Structures are given as structure tokens and as C-alpha cells.
Amino acid sequence: MDKSIRSFLFFSCCLVIAFLVALNLLVFDKGHWSIYLSILLLSPAYFFLFGKKYFKSHAVFSSLFVLTALTLVNYFESPIYAWVVFAIPAVCAWPAVIIGGKKSGESGYAFLISTMLALSYIGLNLSFETRFPFSIFTTFVIYWWPLAVTFARFLRIFSVVGTIWTTLFFMVTNLVTTDTIWWIYPVFALLFWPLSLFFARYLFAYSILATLLLSIFFITVNVITTPHVIWAIYPIFGILFWPLAMYFFVYRRRGVRRLFS
């Protein structure tokens, strides 16, 4: 992008800002909506003015623009509750990643920044919103960054670690939200992630392990929900046809082809 194009786009942003302010003052004079949009437009204007060489400073100033706009929205629209404080860690994560550069792809830096973000939300949870432990959800999402950076190259290990991490999340969420046991349902579906990565190439073995997993699931649900009524045998009976079909139509046919080839 050459200098003339950047100059054109910068003055275009300025023209749009002036138009929005005039529209807000002359036509739609109720509210301060032009202020929020104008501040957000300063971010691309800054980028067009200085170009690609200032990515780090652009991330810092853009974060400040976003926080300023959110603060004004909070002040003018809902001054009773300071909800803007919950957006601060998330917005600050943007310049933290950009400033980190290549270090953002390293597990140590990713774990450090993720821990700082998670602790900040835990502090906000304990200080501003003690009615519900929402920091469980933010912590779960934030730590996918270091997990992905550390194990993304090793898909099988990543599937196991991701399954364990998600299982812990569902168990803790179930514990703090309701007395009804529901975490086993998403976890059961999640177990097929590592199972598929490890055994998808071996169709017959995969069908056997998947059948065992499904059988354990139905038996567990039967015991937890309606222990006085035995119904798990019905879906298990139908599932048994899966490995049976794999044996006769895949595994055994491969053995016959090898014998006569």
C-alpha cells in the first residue's frame, strides 16, 4: 500500500468522522452515538497514516481507542454499573500478543500472558461480580492459547490434553451451577476426539473401542437417571452390529484379499 492510498484512506476516515458527528448533531440529536463510532474509526485512521511499520504502536493505540469508546458507552448509557472493567483484560490481550511477536508462539510467553489474563478475570470476579463464578469460563477459554502453542504440532497429544482440560471444565461447571449431573454427556462426545485420532485408521479396532465407550455411556446414564428401569441393553444391542459389520465386511475381506493376492 503506497503513500497516496494511505493518505486517501486516512482522509476518508476523517471525512466519515465529520459526517457522523454532523449527522448526530443535526438529524439524530438524541444520544452520543457518533462519539463511539468516531473513536473506533481513529484506529484504521492511525494505521493508514503510519503504515505497516508501526503494528505494535497501532495495537496499543487501537486498544486505547476501543477502551475509550467502551468507557464512554458505559458512562452515557449505563452509568450505574461499571461493566467496562470486564473488557479491559480482553482488549489488552491484543497489544500483548502483537508486542510479543514471535514470542507469542512460544509456550512460556503464552502461558505467562494467559495466567495474567486469567488472574485478572478471577480478581474481577471476586471484586465486582461475586454472585456467579464467571471466571471459570474465561480461564477455560484463555488457556487454550498456551495449550495450542505447546501441543498443536502433536495432534494426538493435543487431543488428549484438550479432552482432559475440557472434561475438567465441564465437571467444575456442573459442580458450581447445578446439582444435576450433566457433564458426562458432552464429555462422552468429546472422548471420540482422541479415540478417532488414535484408531481411525484401524476400522475394526475403532468400532470395538467405540462400541465399548458407547456401552459404558448408556449404562452410566441408565444407572444415574433411572436405576429402577433397565433400558441400556436396547441401544447397546443395536450398537453391537457396528463391530460385527466391520469384521465381516472390512476386516475379514481384507484378510481374504491378502490370502489370494
Protein backbone atom coordinates (compact mmCIF):
# COMPACT_ATOMS: atom_id res chain seq x y z
CA MET A 1 0.00 0.00 0.00
CA ASP A 2 1.71 3.18 -1.17
CA LYS A 3 1.62 6.58 0.50
CA SER A 4 -1.09 8.06 -1.75
CA ILE A 5 -3.54 5.25 -0.99
CA ARG A 6 -2.84 5.52 2.73
CA SER A 7 -3.37 9.27 2.61
CA PHE A 8 -6.65 8.81 0.74
CA LEU A 9 -7.92 6.28 3.28
CA PHE A 10 -6.82 8.44 6.21
CA PHE A 11 -8.70 11.49 4.97
CA SER A 12 -11.66 9.24 4.13
CA CYS A 13 -11.81 8.18 7.77
CA CYS A 14 -11.64 11.82 8.84
CA LEU A 15 -14.44 12.69 6.41
CA VAL A 16 -16.62 9.87 7.72
CA ILE A 17 -16.00 11.01 11.30
CA ALA A 18 -17.03 14.57 10.41
CA PHE A 19 -20.13 13.26 8.64
CA LEU A 20 -21.19 11.13 11.62
CA VAL A 21 -20.72 13.99 14.06
CA ALA A 22 -22.73 16.35 11.87
CA LEU A 23 -25.46 13.74 11.43
CA ASN A 24 -25.62 13.20 15.16
CA LEU A 25 -25.87 16.94 15.91
CA LEU A 26 -28.26 17.96 13.14
CA VAL A 27 -30.54 14.98 12.50
CA PHE A 28 -30.34 12.38 15.25
CA ASP A 29 -29.55 14.62 18.20
CA LYS A 30 -30.60 12.14 20.87
CA GLY A 31 -27.64 10.29 22.31
CA HIS A 32 -23.92 10.40 21.66
CA TRP A 33 -23.58 7.55 19.20
CA SER A 34 -21.30 9.47 16.83
CA ILE A 35 -18.65 9.76 19.53
CA TYR A 36 -18.33 5.98 19.88
CA LEU A 37 -18.07 5.37 16.14
CA SER A 38 -15.66 8.26 15.63
CA ILE A 39 -13.28 6.96 18.26
CA LEU A 40 -13.34 3.49 16.71
CA LEU A 41 -12.59 4.98 13.29
CA LEU A 42 -9.42 6.50 14.73
CA SER A 43 -7.89 3.00 14.74
CA PRO A 44 -7.87 2.47 10.95
CA ALA A 45 -7.03 6.16 10.51
CA TYR A 46 -3.90 5.68 12.63
CA PHE A 47 -2.94 2.62 10.59
CA PHE A 48 -3.45 4.39 7.27
CA LEU A 49 -1.42 7.37 8.49
CA PHE A 50 1.67 5.46 9.65
CA GLY A 51 1.52 2.24 7.60
CA LYS A 52 2.60 -1.34 8.36
CA LYS A 53 5.84 -0.43 10.14
CA TYR A 54 4.02 0.53 13.33
CA PHE A 55 1.96 -2.57 14.04
CA LYS A 56 2.88 -2.60 17.72
CA SER A 57 2.04 1.04 18.34
CA HIS A 58 -1.11 0.62 16.25
CA ALA A 59 -2.23 -2.24 18.51
CA VAL A 60 -1.57 -0.15 21.63
CA PHE A 61 -3.38 2.95 20.39
CA SER A 62 -6.23 0.94 18.90
CA SER A 63 -6.75 -0.78 22.24
CA LEU A 64 -6.87 2.63 23.89
CA PHE A 65 -9.41 3.80 21.31
CA VAL A 66 -11.61 0.75 21.94
CA LEU A 67 -11.40 1.14 25.71
CA THR A 68 -12.19 4.85 25.42
CA ALA A 69 -15.24 4.13 23.28
CA LEU A 70 -16.45 1.42 25.67
CA THR A 71 -15.87 3.71 28.66
CA LEU A 72 -17.96 6.46 27.08
CA VAL A 73 -20.73 3.99 26.22
CA ASN A 74 -20.69 2.78 29.80
CA TYR A 75 -20.72 6.33 31.17
CA PHE A 76 -23.51 7.71 28.99
CA GLU A 77 -25.71 4.64 28.52
CA SER A 78 -25.43 2.66 31.77
CA PRO A 79 -23.51 4.67 34.41
CA ILE A 80 -24.94 2.63 37.28
CA TYR A 81 -22.86 -0.48 36.54
CA ALA A 82 -19.19 -0.24 35.50
CA TRP A 83 -19.19 -3.16 33.06
CA VAL A 84 -16.29 -1.71 31.08
CA VAL A 85 -13.80 -3.11 33.60
CA PHE A 86 -14.56 -6.62 32.34
CA ALA A 87 -13.49 -5.65 28.81
CA ILE A 88 -10.10 -4.29 29.86
CA PRO A 89 -8.19 -7.63 30.08
CA ALA A 90 -9.63 -8.88 26.80
CA VAL A 91 -8.76 -5.68 24.93
CA CYS A 92 -5.28 -5.56 26.46
CA ALA A 93 -4.63 -9.09 25.18
CA TRP A 94 -4.43 -7.71 21.63
CA PRO A 95 -1.34 -5.49 22.13
CA ALA A 96 0.17 -8.13 24.41
CA VAL A 97 0.13 -10.64 21.54
CA ILE A 98 1.32 -8.14 18.93
CA ILE A 99 4.14 -6.78 21.09
CA GLY A 100 5.23 -10.31 21.90
CA GLY A 101 5.81 -11.00 18.22
CA LYS A 102 7.38 -14.41 17.71
CA LYS A 103 7.37 -14.96 21.45
CA SER A 104 3.57 -15.22 21.28
CA GLY A 105 4.11 -18.55 19.55
CA GLU A 106 6.23 -19.85 22.43
CA SER A 107 4.68 -21.78 25.28
CA GLY A 108 6.42 -19.78 28.05
CA TYR A 109 5.21 -16.38 26.88
CA ALA A 110 1.74 -17.71 26.06
CA PHE A 111 1.45 -19.31 29.49
CA LEU A 112 2.63 -16.12 31.23
CA ILE A 113 0.19 -13.80 29.45
CA SER A 114 -2.64 -16.32 29.78
CA THR A 115 -2.03 -16.62 33.51
CA MET A 116 -2.08 -12.83 33.87
CA LEU A 117 -5.36 -12.63 31.93
CA ALA A 118 -6.91 -15.47 33.92
CA LEU A 119 -5.88 -13.93 37.25
CA SER A 120 -7.24 -10.56 36.20
CA TYR A 121 -10.65 -12.05 35.50
CA ILE A 122 -10.54 -14.00 38.74
CA GLY A 123 -9.81 -10.73 40.55
CA LEU A 124 -12.69 -9.01 38.76
CA ASN A 125 -14.94 -11.92 39.64
CA LEU A 126 -14.04 -11.68 43.31
CA SER A 127 -14.23 -7.88 43.42
CA PHE A 128 -17.09 -6.80 41.15
CA GLU A 129 -19.28 -9.82 40.49
CA THR A 130 -19.39 -12.30 43.35
CA ARG A 131 -22.82 -13.69 42.52
CA PHE A 132 -21.58 -16.13 39.89
CA PRO A 133 -18.07 -17.55 39.23
CA PHE A 134 -17.85 -16.48 35.58
CA SER A 135 -14.05 -16.62 35.74
CA ILE A 136 -14.32 -20.39 35.24
CA PHE A 137 -15.37 -19.78 31.64
CA THR A 138 -12.77 -17.10 30.92
CA THR A 139 -9.98 -19.24 32.38
CA PHE A 140 -11.05 -22.22 30.27
CA VAL A 141 -11.02 -20.17 27.06
CA ILE A 142 -7.80 -18.27 27.81
CA TYR A 143 -5.65 -21.34 28.46
CA TRP A 144 -6.38 -22.79 25.04
CA TRP A 145 -3.71 -20.38 23.78
CA PRO A 146 -0.74 -21.98 25.60
CA LEU A 147 -2.21 -25.44 25.08
CA ALA A 148 -2.42 -24.87 21.33
CA VAL A 149 1.06 -23.35 21.16
CA THR A 150 2.59 -26.23 23.13
CA PHE A 151 0.82 -29.25 21.66
CA ALA A 152 -0.58 -28.19 18.26
CA ARG A 153 2.25 -29.93 16.43
CA PHE A 154 1.45 -33.18 18.19
CA LEU A 155 -2.18 -33.77 17.27
CA ARG A 156 -2.70 -36.93 19.29
CA ILE A 157 -1.18 -35.49 22.45
CA PHE A 158 -3.13 -32.27 21.89
CA SER A 159 -6.38 -34.25 21.63
CA VAL A 160 -5.69 -35.99 24.94
CA VAL A 161 -4.67 -32.81 26.76
CA GLY A 162 -7.59 -30.88 25.24
CA THR A 163 -10.02 -33.60 26.27
CA ILE A 164 -8.72 -33.61 29.84
CA TRP A 165 -8.86 -29.81 30.04
CA THR A 166 -12.39 -29.67 28.67
CA THR A 167 -13.51 -32.50 30.94
CA LEU A 168 -12.26 -30.60 33.99
CA PHE A 169 -14.10 -27.52 32.76
CA PHE A 170 -17.41 -29.36 32.38
CA MET A 171 -17.04 -31.08 35.76
CA VAL A 172 -16.30 -27.84 37.60
CA THR A 173 -19.09 -26.02 35.77
CA ASN A 174 -21.50 -28.79 36.65
CA LEU A 175 -20.40 -28.64 40.28
CA VAL A 176 -20.94 -24.90 40.70
CA THR A 177 -24.10 -24.47 38.62
CA THR A 178 -26.48 -27.32 39.38
CA ASP A 179 -26.91 -30.50 41.40
CA THR A 180 -27.95 -32.46 38.33
CA ILE A 181 -25.17 -34.50 36.76
CA TRP A 182 -24.92 -33.43 33.11
CA TRP A 183 -21.17 -33.22 32.44
CA ILE A 184 -20.99 -36.83 31.27
CA TYR A 185 -22.95 -36.03 28.09
CA PRO A 186 -20.54 -33.54 26.48
CA VAL A 187 -17.53 -35.42 27.84
CA PHE A 188 -18.74 -38.64 26.25
CA ALA A 189 -18.92 -36.97 22.84
CA LEU A 190 -15.53 -35.34 23.45
CA LEU A 191 -13.84 -38.70 24.04
CA PHE A 192 -14.28 -39.52 20.38
CA TRP A 193 -11.73 -36.81 19.55
CA PRO A 194 -8.62 -38.68 20.82
CA LEU A 195 -10.22 -42.04 20.03
CA SER A 196 -10.59 -41.07 16.37
CA LEU A 197 -7.05 -39.70 16.10
CA PHE A 198 -5.51 -42.84 17.57
CA PHE A 199 -7.64 -45.56 15.97
CA ALA A 200 -9.46 -44.12 12.93
CA ARG A 201 -7.06 -45.96 10.61
CA TYR A 202 -7.95 -49.29 12.19
CA LEU A 203 -11.65 -49.56 11.43
CA PHE A 204 -12.32 -52.82 13.22
CA ALA A 205 -10.44 -51.85 16.40
CA TYR A 206 -12.05 -48.42 16.28
CA SER A 207 -15.53 -49.93 16.07
CA ILE A 208 -14.83 -52.20 19.05
CA LEU A 209 -13.49 -49.38 21.24
CA ALA A 210 -16.30 -47.03 20.20
CA THR A 211 -18.86 -49.73 20.99
CA LEU A 212 -17.34 -50.22 24.45
CA LEU A 213 -17.38 -46.46 25.02
CA LEU A 214 -20.99 -46.14 23.93
CA SER A 215 -21.99 -49.10 26.07
CA ILE A 216 -20.33 -47.60 29.14
CA PHE A 217 -22.08 -44.31 28.42
CA PHE A 218 -25.54 -45.84 28.16
CA ILE A 219 -25.02 -47.97 31.27
CA THR A 220 -23.82 -44.93 33.23
CA VAL A 221 -26.78 -42.83 32.12
CA ASN A 222 -29.12 -45.68 32.95
CA VAL A 223 -27.72 -46.00 36.47
CA ILE A 224 -27.75 -42.27 37.14
CA THR A 225 -31.13 -41.34 35.69
CA THR A 226 -33.42 -44.37 36.02
CA PRO A 227 -31.72 -47.14 38.03
CA HIS A 228 -35.05 -48.91 38.56
CA VAL A 229 -35.60 -49.35 34.83
CA ILE A 230 -33.08 -51.26 32.71
CA TRP A 231 -33.12 -49.76 29.21
CA ALA A 232 -29.41 -49.56 28.30
CA ILE A 233 -29.47 -53.03 26.75
CA TYR A 234 -31.60 -51.83 23.84
CA PRO A 235 -29.21 -49.24 22.33
CA ILE A 236 -26.24 -51.47 23.20
CA PHE A 237 -27.79 -54.33 21.23
CA GLY A 238 -28.11 -52.09 18.16
CA ILE A 239 -24.55 -50.77 18.51
CA LEU A 240 -23.12 -54.30 18.51
CA PHE A 241 -23.90 -54.55 14.82
CA TRP A 242 -21.22 -51.91 14.15
CA PRO A 243 -18.15 -54.06 15.02
CA LEU A 244 -19.97 -57.10 13.65
CA ALA A 245 -20.34 -55.42 10.27
CA MET A 246 -16.76 -54.14 10.38
CA TYR A 247 -15.46 -57.65 10.99
CA PHE A 248 -17.32 -59.36 8.15
CA PHE A 249 -17.35 -56.61 5.53
CA VAL A 250 -13.98 -54.91 6.16
CA TYR A 251 -11.57 -56.87 8.32
CA ARG A 252 -12.37 -60.35 7.01
CA ARG A 253 -12.49 -59.23 3.37
CA ARG A 254 -9.06 -57.68 3.69
CA GLY A 255 -7.78 -60.98 5.06
CA VAL A 256 -9.26 -62.88 2.13
CA ARG A 257 -7.72 -60.49 -0.39
CA ARG A 258 -4.32 -60.85 1.19
CA LEU A 259 -4.67 -64.65 1.18
CA PHE A 260 -5.40 -64.84 -2.55
CA SER A 261 -3.23 -61.97 -3.73
